PDB file of N, CA and C in Angstrom:
ATOM      1  N   MET A   1      15.348 -12.028  45.977  1.00  0.00           N
ATOM      2  CA  MET A   1      15.558 -11.794  44.459  1.00  0.00           C
ATOM      3  C   MET A   1      16.563 -10.252  44.666  1.00  0.00           C
ATOM      4  N   ARG A   2      17.961 -10.472  44.329  1.00  0.00           N
ATOM      5  CA  ARG A   2      19.077  -9.660  44.394  1.00  0.00           C
ATOM      6  C   ARG A   2      18.324  -8.310  43.981  1.00  0.00           C
ATOM      7  N   ALA A   3      19.288  -7.411  44.489  1.00  0.00           N
ATOM      8  CA  ALA A   3      19.007  -5.791  43.794  1.00  0.00           C
ATOM      9  C   ALA A   3      19.876  -6.110  42.759  1.00  0.00           C
ATOM     10  N   GLY A   4      18.819  -5.412  41.858  1.00  0.00           N
ATOM     11  CA  GLY A   4      20.082  -5.120  40.674  1.00  0.00           C
ATOM     12  C   GLY A   4      19.515  -6.528  39.643  1.00  0.00           C
ATOM     13  N   HIS A   5      18.395  -7.457  40.214  1.00  0.00           N
ATOM     14  CA  HIS A   5      18.139  -8.263  39.013  1.00  0.00           C
ATOM     15  C   HIS A   5      16.486  -8.454  38.751  1.00  0.00           C
ATOM     16  N   ILE A   6      15.881  -8.563  38.304  1.00  0.00           N
ATOM     17  CA  ILE A   6      14.991  -9.120  37.658  1.00  0.00           C
ATOM     18  C   ILE A   6      14.757 -10.647  37.241  1.00  0.00           C
ATOM     19  N   THR A   7      13.658 -11.384  37.772  1.00  0.00           N
ATOM     20  CA  THR A   7      12.898 -12.641  37.450  1.00  0.00           C
ATOM     21  C   THR A   7      12.070 -12.604  36.542  1.00  0.00           C
ATOM     22  N   GLY A   8      11.897 -13.284  35.691  1.00  0.00           N
ATOM     23  CA  GLY A   8      10.839 -13.655  34.964  1.00  0.00           C
ATOM     24  C   GLY A   8      11.401 -13.565  33.652  1.00  0.00           C
ATOM     25  N   TRP A   9      10.533 -13.567  32.904  1.00  0.00           N
ATOM     26  CA  TRP A   9      10.299 -13.364  31.536  1.00  0.00           C
ATOM     27  C   TRP A   9      11.129 -11.721  31.224  1.00  0.00           C
ATOM     28  N   ASP A  10      12.367 -12.046  30.086  1.00  0.00           N
ATOM     29  CA  ASP A  10      13.298 -10.900  30.053  1.00  0.00           C
ATOM     30  C   ASP A  10      12.845 -11.025  28.495  1.00  0.00           C
ATOM     31  N   GLY A  11      11.554 -11.529  27.719  1.00  0.00           N
ATOM     32  CA  GLY A  11      11.741 -11.051  26.116  1.00  0.00           C
ATOM     33  C   GLY A  11      12.466 -12.195  25.441  1.00  0.00           C
ATOM     34  N   LEU A  12      13.020 -12.801  25.872  1.00  0.00           N
ATOM     35  CA  LEU A  12      13.963 -13.791  25.245  1.00  0.00           C
ATOM     36  C   LEU A  12      13.560 -15.134  25.514  1.00  0.00           C
ATOM     37  N   ASP A  13      13.869 -15.458  27.082  1.00  0.00           N
ATOM     38  CA  ASP A  13      14.625 -16.803  27.549  1.00  0.00           C
ATOM     39  C   ASP A  13      13.568 -16.523  28.772  1.00  0.00           C
ATOM     40  N   GLU A  14      12.420 -17.905  29.896  1.00  0.00           N
ATOM     41  CA  GLU A  14      12.650 -17.703  31.524  1.00  0.00           C
ATOM     42  C   GLU A  14      14.008 -17.585  32.193  1.00  0.00           C
ATOM     43  N   GLY A  15      13.883 -16.976  32.838  1.00  0.00           N
ATOM     44  CA  GLY A  15      15.096 -17.285  34.210  1.00  0.00           C
ATOM     45  C   GLY A  15      14.987 -15.725  34.754  1.00  0.00           C
ATOM     46  N   GLU A  16      16.445 -15.099  35.420  1.00  0.00           N
ATOM     47  CA  GLU A  16      16.746 -14.433  35.812  1.00  0.00           C
ATOM     48  C   GLU A  16      17.706 -13.406  34.603  1.00  0.00           C
ATOM     49  N   CYS A  17      17.371 -12.305  34.384  1.00  0.00           N
ATOM     50  CA  CYS A  17      17.717 -11.109  33.517  1.00  0.00           C
ATOM     51  C   CYS A  17      18.677  -9.852  34.974  1.00  0.00           C
ATOM     52  N   GLU A  18      20.417 -10.134  34.061  1.00  0.00           N
ATOM     53  CA  GLU A  18      20.554  -8.754  35.012  1.00  0.00           C
ATOM     54  C   GLU A  18      20.414  -7.576  34.825  1.00  0.00           C
ATOM     55  N   VAL A  19      19.806  -6.704  35.241  1.00  0.00           N
ATOM     56  CA  VAL A  19      19.856  -5.134  34.967  1.00  0.00           C
ATOM     57  C   VAL A  19      20.749  -4.351  35.762  1.00  0.00           C
ATOM     58  N   ALA A  20      21.453  -3.764  34.398  1.00  0.00           N
ATOM     59  CA  ALA A  20      22.287  -2.887  34.370  1.00  0.00           C
ATOM     60  C   ALA A  20      21.776  -1.675  35.109  1.00  0.00           C
ATOM     61  N   ASP A  21      22.922  -1.353  36.055  1.00  0.00           N
ATOM     62  CA  ASP A  21      21.951   0.196  36.674  1.00  0.00           C
ATOM     63  C   ASP A  21      21.937   1.288  35.893  1.00  0.00           C
ATOM     64  N   SER A  22      22.983   1.435  34.913  1.00  0.00           N
ATOM     65  CA  SER A  22      22.579   2.425  33.875  1.00  0.00           C
ATOM     66  C   SER A  22      21.319   2.535  33.399  1.00  0.00           C
ATOM     67  N   VAL A  23      20.212   1.275  33.077  1.00  0.00           N
ATOM     68  CA  VAL A  23      18.977   1.252  32.404  1.00  0.00           C
ATOM     69  C   VAL A  23      18.184   0.793  33.243  1.00  0.00           C
ATOM     70  N   ARG A  24      18.232   0.870  34.302  1.00  0.00           N
ATOM     71  CA  ARG A  24      17.306   0.628  35.231  1.00  0.00           C
ATOM     72  C   ARG A  24      16.797   1.840  35.749  1.00  0.00           C
ATOM     73  N   VAL A  25      15.256   1.631  35.764  1.00  0.00           N
ATOM     74  CA  VAL A  25      14.619   2.877  36.918  1.00  0.00           C
ATOM     75  C   VAL A  25      14.122   2.438  37.928  1.00  0.00           C
ATOM     76  N   ALA A  26      13.835   2.951  38.733  1.00  0.00           N
ATOM     77  CA  ALA A  26      13.033   2.714  40.073  1.00  0.00           C
ATOM     78  C   ALA A  26      12.677   3.952  40.164  1.00  0.00           C
ATOM     79  N   SER A  27      11.569   3.317  40.887  1.00  0.00           N
ATOM     80  CA  SER A  27       9.955   4.064  41.163  1.00  0.00           C
ATOM     81  C   SER A  27       9.244   3.458  42.372  1.00  0.00           C
ATOM     82  N   GLY A  28       9.180   3.864  43.603  1.00  0.00           N
ATOM     83  CA  GLY A  28       8.419   2.849  44.385  1.00  0.00           C
ATOM     84  C   GLY A  28       8.983   1.230  44.579  1.00  0.00           C
ATOM     85  N   GLY A  29      10.243   1.139  44.203  1.00  0.00           N
ATOM     86  CA  GLY A  29      10.212  -0.126  44.612  1.00  0.00           C
ATOM     87  C   GLY A  29      10.271  -1.090  43.325  1.00  0.00           C
ATOM     88  N   VAL A  30       9.612  -0.174  42.615  1.00  0.00           N
ATOM     89  CA  VAL A  30       9.584  -1.045  41.858  1.00  0.00           C
ATOM     90  C   VAL A  30      10.824  -1.300  40.605  1.00  0.00           C
ATOM     91  N   LEU A  31      11.380  -1.727  39.730  1.00  0.00           N
ATOM     92  CA  LEU A  31      13.002  -1.732  38.810  1.00  0.00           C
ATOM     93  C   LEU A  31      12.109  -2.136  37.461  1.00  0.00           C
ATOM     94  N   VAL A  32      12.658  -1.354  36.384  1.00  0.00           N
ATOM     95  CA  VAL A  32      11.891  -1.815  35.198  1.00  0.00           C
ATOM     96  C   VAL A  32      13.480  -1.290  34.285  1.00  0.00           C
ATOM     97  N   ASP A  33      13.576  -2.746  33.418  1.00  0.00           N
ATOM     98  CA  ASP A  33      14.711  -2.454  32.369  1.00  0.00           C
ATOM     99  C   ASP A  33      13.717  -2.174  31.424  1.00  0.00           C
ATOM    100  N   PRO A  34      14.088  -1.155  30.785  1.00  0.00           N
ATOM    101  CA  PRO A  34      13.891  -0.634  29.317  1.00  0.00           C
ATOM    102  C   PRO A  34      14.327  -1.533  28.471  1.00  0.00           C
ATOM    103  N   GLN A  35      15.131  -2.347  28.108  1.00  0.00           N
ATOM    104  CA  GLN A  35      16.202  -3.111  27.379  1.00  0.00           C
ATOM    105  C   GLN A  35      15.071  -4.417  27.337  1.00  0.00           C
ATOM    106  N   ALA A  36      14.486  -4.871  28.293  1.00  0.00           N
ATOM    107  CA  ALA A  36      13.849  -6.056  28.250  1.00  0.00           C
ATOM    108  C   ALA A  36      12.432  -5.735  27.813  1.00  0.00           C
ATOM    109  N   VAL A  37      11.848  -4.355  28.766  1.00  0.00           N
ATOM    110  CA  VAL A  37      10.387  -3.920  28.062  1.00  0.00           C
ATOM    111  C   VAL A  37      10.328  -3.805  26.553  1.00  0.00           C
ATOM    112  N   HIS A  38      11.641  -3.005  26.026  1.00  0.00           N
ATOM    113  CA  HIS A  38      11.326  -3.308  24.453  1.00  0.00           C
ATOM    114  C   HIS A  38      11.664  -4.803  23.613  1.00  0.00           C
ATOM    115  N   ALA A  39      12.089  -5.770  24.042  1.00  0.00           N
ATOM    116  CA  ALA A  39      12.793  -6.458  23.687  1.00  0.00           C
ATOM    117  C   ALA A  39      10.847  -7.252  23.808  1.00  0.00           C
ATOM    118  N   ILE A  40      10.387  -7.180  24.766  1.00  0.00           N
ATOM    119  CA  ILE A  40       9.188  -7.959  25.085  1.00  0.00           C
ATOM    120  C   ILE A  40       8.062  -7.319  24.148  1.00  0.00           C
ATOM    121  N   ALA A  41       7.993  -5.511  23.787  1.00  0.00           N
ATOM    122  CA  ALA A  41       7.315  -5.316  22.657  1.00  0.00           C
ATOM    123  C   ALA A  41       7.758  -5.776  21.486  1.00  0.00           C
ATOM    124  N   SER A  42       9.270  -6.228  20.947  1.00  0.00           N
ATOM    125  CA  SER A  42       9.306  -6.644  19.779  1.00  0.00           C
ATOM    126  C   SER A  42       8.711  -8.485  19.966  1.00  0.00           C
ATOM    127  N   ARG A  43       8.382  -9.047  20.668  1.00  0.00           N
ATOM    128  CA  ARG A  43       8.444 -10.388  20.579  1.00  0.00           C
ATOM    129  C   ARG A  43       7.229  -9.890  20.261  1.00  0.00           C
ATOM    130  N   LEU A  44       6.203  -8.988  20.610  1.00  0.00           N
ATOM    131  CA  LEU A  44       4.666  -8.830  20.490  1.00  0.00           C
ATOM    132  C   LEU A  44       4.408  -9.134  19.147  1.00  0.00           C
ATOM    133  N   ARG A  45       5.565  -8.013  18.650  1.00  0.00           N
ATOM    134  CA  ARG A  45       5.182  -7.412  17.294  1.00  0.00           C
ATOM    135  C   ARG A  45       5.775  -8.765  16.579  1.00  0.00           C
ATOM    136  N   THR A  46       6.522  -9.517  16.709  1.00  0.00           N
ATOM    137  CA  THR A  46       6.539 -10.920  15.680  1.00  0.00           C
ATOM    138  C   THR A  46       5.958 -11.653  15.874  1.00  0.00           C
ATOM    139  N   SER A  47       5.028 -11.621  17.664  1.00  0.00           N
ATOM    140  CA  SER A  47       3.287 -12.776  17.029  1.00  0.00           C
ATOM    141  C   SER A  47       2.409 -12.463  16.204  1.00  0.00           C
ATOM    142  N   ALA A  48       2.467 -11.106  16.638  1.00  0.00           N
ATOM    143  CA  ALA A  48       1.147 -10.518  15.790  1.00  0.00           C
ATOM    144  C   ALA A  48       1.666 -10.628  14.317  1.00  0.00           C
ATOM    145  N   THR A  49       2.440 -10.129  13.630  1.00  0.00           N
ATOM    146  CA  THR A  49       3.102 -11.318  12.309  1.00  0.00           C
ATOM    147  C   THR A  49       2.893 -12.534  11.854  1.00  0.00           C
ATOM    148  N   THR A  50       2.856 -13.075  13.079  1.00  0.00           N
ATOM    149  CA  THR A  50       2.982 -13.888  12.955  1.00  0.00           C
ATOM    150  C   THR A  50       1.146 -15.251  12.965  1.00  0.00           C
ATOM    151  N   LEU A  51       0.685 -14.541  13.647  1.00  0.00           N
ATOM    152  CA  LEU A  51      -1.007 -15.051  13.761  1.00  0.00           C
ATOM    153  C   LEU A  51      -1.827 -14.437  12.440  1.00  0.00           C
ATOM    154  N   GLY A  52      -0.960 -13.041  11.764  1.00  0.00           N
ATOM    155  CA  GLY A  52      -1.396 -12.462  10.756  1.00  0.00           C
ATOM    156  C   GLY A  52      -1.129 -13.650   9.286  1.00  0.00           C
ATOM    157  N   ASP A  53       0.054 -14.148   9.595  1.00  0.00           N
ATOM    158  CA  ASP A  53       0.355 -14.860   8.444  1.00  0.00           C
ATOM    159  C   ASP A  53      -0.394 -16.587   8.531  1.00  0.00           C
ATOM    160  N   ASN A  54      -0.737 -16.644   9.357  1.00  0.00           N
ATOM    161  CA  ASN A  54      -1.428 -17.972   9.920  1.00  0.00           C
ATOM    162  C   ASN A  54      -3.064 -17.726   9.493  1.00  0.00           C
ATOM    163  N   ALA A  55      -3.332 -16.696   9.486  1.00  0.00           N
ATOM    164  CA  ALA A  55      -4.871 -16.278   8.778  1.00  0.00           C
ATOM    165  C   ALA A  55      -4.779 -16.153   7.956  1.00  0.00           C
ATOM    166  N   LYS A  56      -3.738 -15.682   6.848  1.00  0.00           N
ATOM    167  CA  LYS A  56      -3.372 -15.768   5.478  1.00  0.00           C
ATOM    168  C   LYS A  56      -3.888 -17.503   5.261  1.00  0.00           C
ATOM    169  N   LEU A  57      -3.039 -18.072   5.794  1.00  0.00           N
ATOM    170  CA  LEU A  57      -3.000 -19.303   5.389  1.00  0.00           C
ATOM    171  C   LEU A  57      -4.297 -20.091   5.175  1.00  0.00           C
ATOM    172  N   VAL A  58      -5.033 -20.170   6.658  1.00  0.00           N
ATOM    173  CA  VAL A  58      -6.517 -20.186   6.797  1.00  0.00           C
ATOM    174  C   VAL A  58      -7.493 -20.055   5.835  1.00  0.00           C
ATOM    175  N   ARG A  59      -7.034 -19.235   5.172  1.00  0.00           N
ATOM    176  CA  ARG A  59      -8.007 -18.404   4.204  1.00  0.00           C
ATOM    177  C   ARG A  59      -8.171 -19.228   3.071  1.00  0.00           C
ATOM    178  N   ALA A  60      -6.406 -19.181   2.649  1.00  0.00           N
ATOM    179  CA  ALA A  60      -6.185 -19.368   1.642  1.00  0.00           C
ATOM    180  C   ALA A  60      -5.949 -21.079   1.580  1.00  0.00           C
ATOM    181  N   ASN A  61      -6.904 -21.958   2.394  1.00  0.00           N
ATOM    182  CA  ASN A  61      -6.935 -23.424   2.369  1.00  0.00           C
ATOM    183  C   ASN A  61      -8.900 -23.649   2.471  1.00  0.00           C
ATOM    184  N   THR A  62      -9.252 -22.404   1.998  1.00  0.00           N
ATOM    185  CA  THR A  62     -10.898 -22.604   2.315  1.00  0.00           C
ATOM    186  C   THR A  62     -11.654 -24.252   1.897  1.00  0.00           C
ATOM    187  N   PHE A  63     -12.630 -24.810   2.552  1.00  0.00           N
ATOM    188  CA  PHE A  63     -12.666 -26.206   2.699  1.00  0.00           C
ATOM    189  C   PHE A  63     -13.968 -25.648   2.548  1.00  0.00           C
ATOM    190  N   GLY A  64     -15.138 -26.221   1.917  1.00  0.00           N
ATOM    191  CA  GLY A  64     -16.392 -25.912   1.715  1.00  0.00           C
ATOM    192  C   GLY A  64     -17.275 -27.208   1.345  1.00  0.00           C
ATOM    193  N   PRO A  65     -18.849 -26.566   1.523  1.00  0.00           N
ATOM    194  CA  PRO A  65     -19.865 -27.699   0.336  1.00  0.00           C
ATOM    195  C   PRO A  65     -18.962 -28.750  -0.875  1.00  0.00           C
ATOM    196  N   ALA A  66     -18.567 -28.193  -1.313  1.00  0.00           N
ATOM    197  CA  ALA A  66     -18.317 -28.305  -2.707  1.00  0.00           C
ATOM    198  C   ALA A  66     -17.093 -29.313  -2.780  1.00  0.00           C
ATOM    199  N   GLN A  67     -15.882 -28.850  -1.958  1.00  0.00           N
ATOM    200  CA  GLN A  67     -15.297 -29.943  -1.524  1.00  0.00           C
ATOM    201  C   GLN A  67     -15.381 -30.746  -0.901  1.00  0.00           C
ATOM    202  N   ALA A  68     -16.294 -30.929   0.074  1.00  0.00           N
ATOM    203  CA  ALA A  68     -16.980 -32.195   0.281  1.00  0.00           C
ATOM    204  C   ALA A  68     -17.699 -32.894   0.125  1.00  0.00           C
ATOM    205  N   GLY A  69     -18.108 -32.424  -1.331  1.00  0.00           N
ATOM    206  CA  GLY A  69     -19.136 -33.289  -2.109  1.00  0.00           C
ATOM    207  C   GLY A  69     -20.651 -33.189  -1.924  1.00  0.00           C
ATOM    208  N   THR A  70     -21.488 -33.525  -2.655  1.00  0.00           N
ATOM    209  CA  THR A  70     -23.021 -33.508  -2.715  1.00  0.00           C
ATOM    210  C   THR A  70     -23.737 -33.887  -1.156  1.00  0.00           C
ATOM    211  N   ARG A  71     -22.871 -35.284  -0.811  1.00  0.00           N
ATOM    212  CA  ARG A  71     -23.455 -36.112  -0.114  1.00  0.00           C
ATOM    213  C   ARG A  71     -23.133 -35.437   1.358  1.00  0.00           C
ATOM    214  N   TYR A  72     -22.301 -34.534   1.663  1.00  0.00           N
ATOM    215  CA  TYR A  72     -21.455 -34.062   2.492  1.00  0.00           C
ATOM    216  C   TYR A  72     -21.390 -32.489   2.992  1.00  0.00           C
ATOM    217  N   ALA A  73     -22.268 -32.237   1.864  1.00  0.00           N
ATOM    218  CA  ALA A  73     -22.835 -30.622   1.932  1.00  0.00           C
ATOM    219  C   ALA A  73     -22.934 -30.471   2.907  1.00  0.00           C
ATOM    220  N   GLU A  74     -23.959 -30.726   3.717  1.00  0.00           N
ATOM    221  CA  GLU A  74     -23.668 -30.109   5.434  1.00  0.00           C
ATOM    222  C   GLU A  74     -22.583 -30.177   6.144  1.00  0.00           C
ATOM    223  N   GLN A  75     -21.847 -30.935   6.382  1.00  0.00           N
ATOM    224  CA  GLN A  75     -20.571 -31.037   6.795  1.00  0.00           C
ATOM    225  C   GLN A  75     -19.393 -30.083   6.280  1.00  0.00           C
ATOM    226  N   GLY A  76     -19.782 -30.155   4.958  1.00  0.00           N
ATOM    227  CA  GLY A  76     -18.424 -29.470   5.038  1.00  0.00           C
ATOM    228  C   GLY A  76     -18.428 -27.655   5.132  1.00  0.00           C
ATOM    229  N   GLN A  77     -19.973 -27.462   4.825  1.00  0.00           N
ATOM    230  CA  GLN A  77     -20.301 -26.061   5.110  1.00  0.00           C
ATOM    231  C   GLN A  77     -19.575 -25.426   6.795  1.00  0.00           C
ATOM    232  N   ARG A  78     -19.785 -26.890   7.697  1.00  0.00           N
ATOM    233  CA  ARG A  78     -19.685 -26.892   9.252  1.00  0.00           C
ATOM    234  C   ARG A  78     -18.109 -26.512   9.090  1.00  0.00           C
ATOM    235  N   ILE A  79     -17.442 -27.219   8.553  1.00  0.00           N
ATOM    236  CA  ILE A  79     -15.891 -26.955   8.335  1.00  0.00           C
ATOM    237  C   ILE A  79     -15.592 -25.684   7.808  1.00  0.00           C
ATOM    238  N   HIS A  80     -16.423 -25.130   6.254  1.00  0.00           N
ATOM    239  CA  HIS A  80     -16.055 -24.188   6.264  1.00  0.00           C
ATOM    240  C   HIS A  80     -16.456 -23.068   6.979  1.00  0.00           C
ATOM    241  N   ASP A  81     -16.995 -22.451   8.197  1.00  0.00           N
ATOM    242  CA  ASP A  81     -17.802 -22.360   8.858  1.00  0.00           C
ATOM    243  C   ASP A  81     -16.810 -21.524   9.808  1.00  0.00           C
ATOM    244  N   GLY A  82     -16.274 -23.271  10.661  1.00  0.00           N
ATOM    245  CA  GLY A  82     -14.781 -23.263  11.704  1.00  0.00           C
ATOM    246  C   GLY A  82     -14.235 -22.423  10.818  1.00  0.00           C
ATOM    247  N   LEU A  83     -13.472 -23.053   9.815  1.00  0.00           N
ATOM    248  CA  LEU A  83     -11.927 -22.226   9.610  1.00  0.00           C
ATOM    249  C   LEU A  83     -12.742 -21.075   9.496  1.00  0.00           C
ATOM    250  N   VAL A  84     -14.051 -20.003   8.903  1.00  0.00           N
ATOM    251  CA  VAL A  84     -14.009 -18.872   8.987  1.00  0.00           C
ATOM    252  C   VAL A  84     -13.689 -18.367  10.642  1.00  0.00           C
ATOM    253  N   ARG A  85     -14.072 -18.912  11.175  1.00  0.00           N
ATOM    254  CA  ARG A  85     -14.162 -18.411  13.104  1.00  0.00           C
ATOM    255  C   ARG A  85     -12.586 -18.737  13.239  1.00  0.00           C
ATOM    256  N   ILE A  86     -11.490 -19.949  12.748  1.00  0.00           N
ATOM    257  CA  ILE A  86     -10.279 -19.274  13.255  1.00  0.00           C
ATOM    258  C   ILE A  86      -9.955 -18.804  12.451  1.00  0.00           C
ATOM    259  N   GLU A  87      -9.808 -18.088  11.522  1.00  0.00           N
ATOM    260  CA  GLU A  87      -9.235 -17.266  10.432  1.00  0.00           C
ATOM    261  C   GLU A  87      -9.469 -15.635  11.329  1.00  0.00           C
ATOM    262  N   SER A  88     -11.364 -15.345  12.192  1.00  0.00           N
ATOM    263  CA  SER A  88     -10.960 -14.182  12.397  1.00  0.00           C
ATOM    264  C   SER A  88     -10.987 -14.408  13.727  1.00  0.00           C
ATOM    265  N   TRP A  89     -10.539 -15.257  14.946  1.00  0.00           N
ATOM    266  CA  TRP A  89      -9.779 -15.522  15.835  1.00  0.00           C
ATOM    267  C   TRP A  89      -8.223 -14.567  15.665  1.00  0.00           C
ATOM    268  N   LEU A  90      -7.619 -15.713  14.990  1.00  0.00           N
ATOM    269  CA  LEU A  90      -6.479 -15.461  14.425  1.00  0.00           C
ATOM    270  C   LEU A  90      -6.303 -13.983  14.539  1.00  0.00           C
ATOM    271  N   LEU A  91      -7.417 -12.754  12.972  1.00  0.00           N
ATOM    272  CA  LEU A  91      -7.002 -11.811  12.860  1.00  0.00           C
ATOM    273  C   LEU A  91      -7.076 -10.845  14.341  1.00  0.00           C
ATOM    274  N   GLN A  92      -7.854 -11.560  15.265  1.00  0.00           N
ATOM    275  CA  GLN A  92      -8.616 -10.724  16.515  1.00  0.00           C
ATOM    276  C   GLN A  92      -7.627 -10.788  17.171  1.00  0.00           C
ATOM    277  N   TRP A  93      -7.010 -11.946  17.697  1.00  0.00           N
ATOM    278  CA  TRP A  93      -5.189 -11.973  18.080  1.00  0.00           C
ATOM    279  C   TRP A  93      -4.020 -11.231  17.566  1.00  0.00           C
ATOM    280  N   GLN A  94      -4.194 -11.111  16.506  1.00  0.00           N
ATOM    281  CA  GLN A  94      -3.160 -10.169  15.919  1.00  0.00           C
ATOM    282  C   GLN A  94      -3.530  -8.347  16.032  1.00  0.00           C
ATOM    283  N   GLU A  95      -4.653  -8.125  16.580  1.00  0.00           N
ATOM    284  CA  GLU A  95      -4.800  -6.538  16.097  1.00  0.00           C
ATOM    285  C   GLU A  95      -4.728  -6.852  17.572  1.00  0.00           C
ATOM    286  N   ALA A  96      -4.957  -7.831  18.794  1.00  0.00           N
ATOM    287  CA  ALA A  96      -4.674  -7.329  20.121  1.00  0.00           C
ATOM    288  C   ALA A  96      -3.126  -7.193  20.300  1.00  0.00           C
ATOM    289  N   SER A  97      -2.738  -8.214  20.078  1.00  0.00           N
ATOM    290  CA  SER A  97      -0.526  -8.692  19.900  1.00  0.00           C
ATOM    291  C   SER A  97      -0.626  -7.072  19.391  1.00  0.00           C
ATOM    292  N   GLY A  98      -0.991  -6.678  18.364  1.00  0.00           N
ATOM    293  CA  GLY A  98      -0.289  -5.374  17.757  1.00  0.00           C
ATOM    294  C   GLY A  98      -0.184  -4.340  18.745  1.00  0.00           C
ATOM    295  N   ALA A  99      -1.968  -4.086  19.104  1.00  0.00           N
ATOM    296  CA  ALA A  99      -1.938  -2.757  20.005  1.00  0.00           C
ATOM    297  C   ALA A  99      -1.076  -3.119  21.373  1.00  0.00           C
ATOM    298  N   LEU A 100      -1.069  -4.441  22.170  1.00  0.00           N
ATOM    299  CA  LEU A 100      -0.561  -4.760  23.356  1.00  0.00           C
ATOM    300  C   LEU A 100       1.588  -4.365  22.541  1.00  0.00           C
ATOM    301  N   ALA A 101       1.638  -4.262  21.741  1.00  0.00           N
ATOM    302  CA  ALA A 101       3.115  -4.369  21.653  1.00  0.00           C
ATOM    303  C   ALA A 101       3.531  -3.015  21.353  1.00  0.00           C
ATOM    304  N   GLU A 102       2.257  -2.510  20.984  1.00  0.00           N
ATOM    305  CA  GLU A 102       2.718  -0.238  20.261  1.00  0.00           C
ATOM    306  C   GLU A 102       2.440   0.239  21.777  1.00  0.00           C
ATOM    307  N   ALA A 103       1.487  -0.116  22.938  1.00  0.00           N
ATOM    308  CA  ALA A 103       1.512   0.022  24.328  1.00  0.00           C
ATOM    309  C   ALA A 103       2.661  -0.133  25.080  1.00  0.00           C
ATOM    310  N   VAL A 104       3.021  -1.615  24.469  1.00  0.00           N
ATOM    311  CA  VAL A 104       4.492  -1.985  25.798  1.00  0.00           C
ATOM    312  C   VAL A 104       5.724  -0.948  25.046  1.00  0.00           C
ATOM    313  N   GLY A 105       5.654  -0.295  23.470  1.00  0.00           N
ATOM    314  CA  GLY A 105       6.607   0.127  23.364  1.00  0.00           C
ATOM    315  C   GLY A 105       6.410   1.626  23.934  1.00  0.00           C
ATOM    316  N   GLN A 106       5.291   2.116  23.939  1.00  0.00           N
ATOM    317  CA  GLN A 106       5.142   3.311  24.270  1.00  0.00           C
ATOM    318  C   GLN A 106       5.535   3.466  25.659  1.00  0.00           C
ATOM    319  N   THR A 107       5.559   2.673  26.322  1.00  0.00           N
ATOM    320  CA  THR A 107       5.965   2.516  27.799  1.00  0.00           C
ATOM    321  C   THR A 107       7.858   2.297  28.345  1.00  0.00           C
ATOM    322  N   VAL A 108       8.260   2.306  27.257  1.00  0.00           N
ATOM    323  CA  VAL A 108       9.632   2.173  26.921  1.00  0.00           C
ATOM    324  C   VAL A 108      10.424   3.753  26.994  1.00  0.00           C
ATOM    325  N   VAL A 109       9.395   4.298  25.930  1.00  0.00           N
ATOM    326  CA  VAL A 109       9.571   5.964  25.684  1.00  0.00           C
ATOM    327  C   VAL A 109       9.207   6.675  26.144  1.00  0.00           C
ATOM    328  N   VAL A 110       8.273   6.714  27.312  1.00  0.00           N
ATOM    329  CA  VAL A 110       7.431   7.228  28.206  1.00  0.00           C
ATOM    330  C   VAL A 110       8.854   7.092  29.957  1.00  0.00           C
ATOM    331  N   LEU A 111       9.461   5.932  29.527  1.00  0.00           N
ATOM    332  CA  LEU A 111       9.974   5.519  31.171  1.00  0.00           C
ATOM    333  C   LEU A 111      11.467   6.375  30.770  1.00  0.00           C
ATOM    334  N   GLY A 112      11.641   6.621  28.823  1.00  0.00           N
ATOM    335  CA  GLY A 112      12.895   7.103  29.265  1.00  0.00           C
ATOM    336  C   GLY A 112      12.794   8.590  29.593  1.00  0.00           C
ATOM    337  N   GLU A 113      11.654   9.772  28.700  1.00  0.00           N
ATOM    338  CA  GLU A 113      11.549  10.847  29.386  1.00  0.00           C
ATOM    339  C   GLU A 113      11.266  10.816  30.544  1.00  0.00           C
ATOM    340  N   THR A 114      10.580   9.318  31.927  1.00  0.00           N
ATOM    341  CA  THR A 114      10.576  10.166  33.173  1.00  0.00           C
ATOM    342  C   THR A 114      11.940  10.465  33.395  1.00  0.00           C
ATOM    343  N   ASP A 115      13.133   9.279  33.056  1.00  0.00           N
ATOM    344  CA  ASP A 115      14.092   9.150  34.100  1.00  0.00           C
ATOM    345  C   ASP A 115      14.988  10.305  33.505  1.00  0.00           C
ATOM    346  N   ALA A 116      15.097  10.745  31.499  1.00  0.00           N
ATOM    347  CA  ALA A 116      15.997  11.919  31.403  1.00  0.00           C
ATOM    348  C   ALA A 116      15.145  12.873  32.529  1.00  0.00           C
ATOM    349  N   GLU A 117      14.045  12.944  32.705  1.00  0.00           N
ATOM    350  CA  GLU A 117      13.940  14.087  33.479  1.00  0.00           C
ATOM    351  C   GLU A 117      14.001  14.086  35.127  1.00  0.00           C
ATOM    352  N   ALA A 118      14.381  13.055  35.511  1.00  0.00           N
ATOM    353  CA  ALA A 118      14.350  12.951  36.984  1.00  0.00           C
ATOM    354  C   ALA A 118      16.092  13.187  36.912  1.00  0.00           C
ATOM    355  N   ALA A 119      16.708  13.282  36.045  1.00  0.00           N
ATOM    356  CA  ALA A 119      17.981  13.138  36.127  1.00  0.00           C
ATOM    357  C   ALA A 119      18.434  14.376  35.584  1.00  0.00           C
ATOM    358  N   ARG A 120      17.793  15.281  35.187  1.00  0.00           N
ATOM    359  CA  ARG A 120      17.782  16.600  34.392  1.00  0.00           C
ATOM    360  C   ARG A 120      17.502  17.438  35.838  1.00  0.00           C
ATOM    361  N   LYS A 121      16.552  17.138  36.680  1.00  0.00           N
ATOM    362  CA  LYS A 121      16.067  17.950  37.838  1.00  0.00           C
ATOM    363  C   LYS A 121      16.872  17.706  39.294  1.00  0.00           C
ATOM    364  N   VAL A 122      17.667  16.196  39.354  1.00  0.00           N
ATOM    365  CA  VAL A 122      18.996  15.940  39.732  1.00  0.00           C
ATOM    366  C   VAL A 122      20.254  17.000  39.387  1.00  0.00           C
ATOM    367  N   ALA A 123      20.598  16.746  38.139  1.00  0.00           N
ATOM    368  CA  ALA A 123      21.255  17.719  37.969  1.00  0.00           C
ATOM    369  C   ALA A 123      21.663  19.242  37.730  1.00  0.00           C
ATOM    370  N   ASN A 124      20.038  19.618  38.223  1.00  0.00           N
ATOM    371  CA  ASN A 124      19.942  20.585  38.361  1.00  0.00           C
ATOM    372  C   ASN A 124      19.413  21.384  40.165  1.00  0.00           C
ATOM    373  N   THR A 125      19.856  20.465  41.039  1.00  0.00           N
ATOM    374  CA  THR A 125      19.393  20.476  42.441  1.00  0.00           C
ATOM    375  C   THR A 125      21.118  20.710  43.140  1.00  0.00           C
TER     376      THR A 125
END
């Protein structure tokens, strides 16, 4: 890895992402690009919204014993139960993705505050 570069997901595409010196934060040899972290948080928020939208679609397209017919009521109930589980999983993933997006977004704020404080200390020495 070259100095000033990070590799991996930059929030948009796989590959290498150049890190501008003005936005780079160095700590113990770890380089963090706040813009890339912000992009990741944004993508996570989008994912959370998509998961929620799909949970609504699952809920709107219910299927159960009545749709399966009298002779297949048991199978219809199992399909219904499976759809309820899928909706629940989607909602749980939505909640987890939203919480992760919030945490990652807060990281950008903390990094910015830490970097600004370090700059003030350097300027005052």
